[in-house]
Amino acid sequence: MKVLHCKDVGFDCPGVIQAESETEVLELAAQHAQEAHQVTVTPDMAAQIKHLIREA
């Protein structure tokens, strides 16, 4: 299981995204960023966020 904490990306947000793969986490993170923070994740941002994904 992979996990990403929204606060690790720089938002003051308690959101935690978990999925089986990094790809799924990135997809869910992009959806969360758009819905919760009105931020569109670019490919460059996704590459940076990928480094923040950890094993749960």
Protein backbone atom coordinates (compact mmCIF):
# COMPACT_ATOMS: atom_id res chain seq x y z
CA MET A 1 0.00 0.00 0.00
CA LYS A 2 1.28 3.47 -0.92
CA VAL A 3 0.38 6.64 0.98
CA LEU A 4 0.65 10.38 0.44
CA HIS A 5 -0.15 13.02 3.05
CA CYS A 6 -1.48 16.23 1.56
CA LYS A 7 0.41 18.28 4.17
CA ASP A 8 3.69 16.83 2.81
CA VAL A 9 2.91 18.49 -0.52
CA GLY A 10 2.61 21.86 1.24
CA PHE A 11 -1.09 22.25 1.92
CA ASP A 12 -2.59 22.87 5.36
CA CYS A 13 -4.80 19.84 4.86
CA PRO A 14 -5.33 16.60 6.82
CA GLY A 15 -5.96 14.64 3.60
CA VAL A 16 -4.33 11.23 3.26
CA ILE A 17 -4.38 9.34 -0.03
CA GLN A 18 -3.80 5.60 -0.09
CA ALA A 19 -3.75 3.17 -2.98
CA GLU A 20 -2.03 0.02 -4.17
CA SER A 21 0.33 1.78 -6.58
CA GLU A 22 2.12 5.10 -7.04
CA THR A 23 0.13 5.67 -10.22
CA GLU A 24 -3.17 5.31 -8.39
CA VAL A 25 -1.98 7.62 -5.59
CA LEU A 26 -0.98 10.26 -8.15
CA GLU A 27 -4.36 10.00 -9.90
CA LEU A 28 -6.24 10.35 -6.60
CA ALA A 29 -3.93 13.17 -5.49
CA ALA A 30 -4.60 15.10 -8.69
CA GLN A 31 -8.34 14.67 -8.17
CA HIS A 32 -8.06 15.78 -4.53
CA ALA A 33 -5.90 18.79 -5.46
CA GLN A 34 -8.47 19.92 -8.01
CA GLU A 35 -11.53 19.41 -5.81
CA ALA A 36 -10.16 20.52 -2.43
CA HIS A 37 -7.55 23.11 -3.41
CA GLN A 38 -8.54 24.20 -6.94
CA VAL A 39 -5.06 23.22 -8.14
CA THR A 40 -4.41 21.41 -11.41
CA VAL A 41 -1.50 19.02 -11.09
CA THR A 42 0.92 19.39 -13.99
CA PRO A 43 3.32 16.65 -15.10
CA ASP A 44 6.19 18.52 -13.39
CA MET A 45 4.22 18.71 -10.15
CA ALA A 46 3.35 15.02 -10.39
CA ALA A 47 7.04 14.16 -10.72
CA GLN A 48 7.81 16.11 -7.53
CA ILE A 49 4.84 14.64 -5.67
CA LYS A 50 5.89 11.11 -6.66
CA HIS A 51 8.97 11.48 -4.43
CA LEU A 52 6.72 12.14 -1.43
CA ILE A 53 4.79 8.87 -1.72
CA ARG A 54 5.72 6.36 0.98
CA GLU A 55 4.93 2.78 1.91
CA ALA A 56 1.99 2.58 4.29
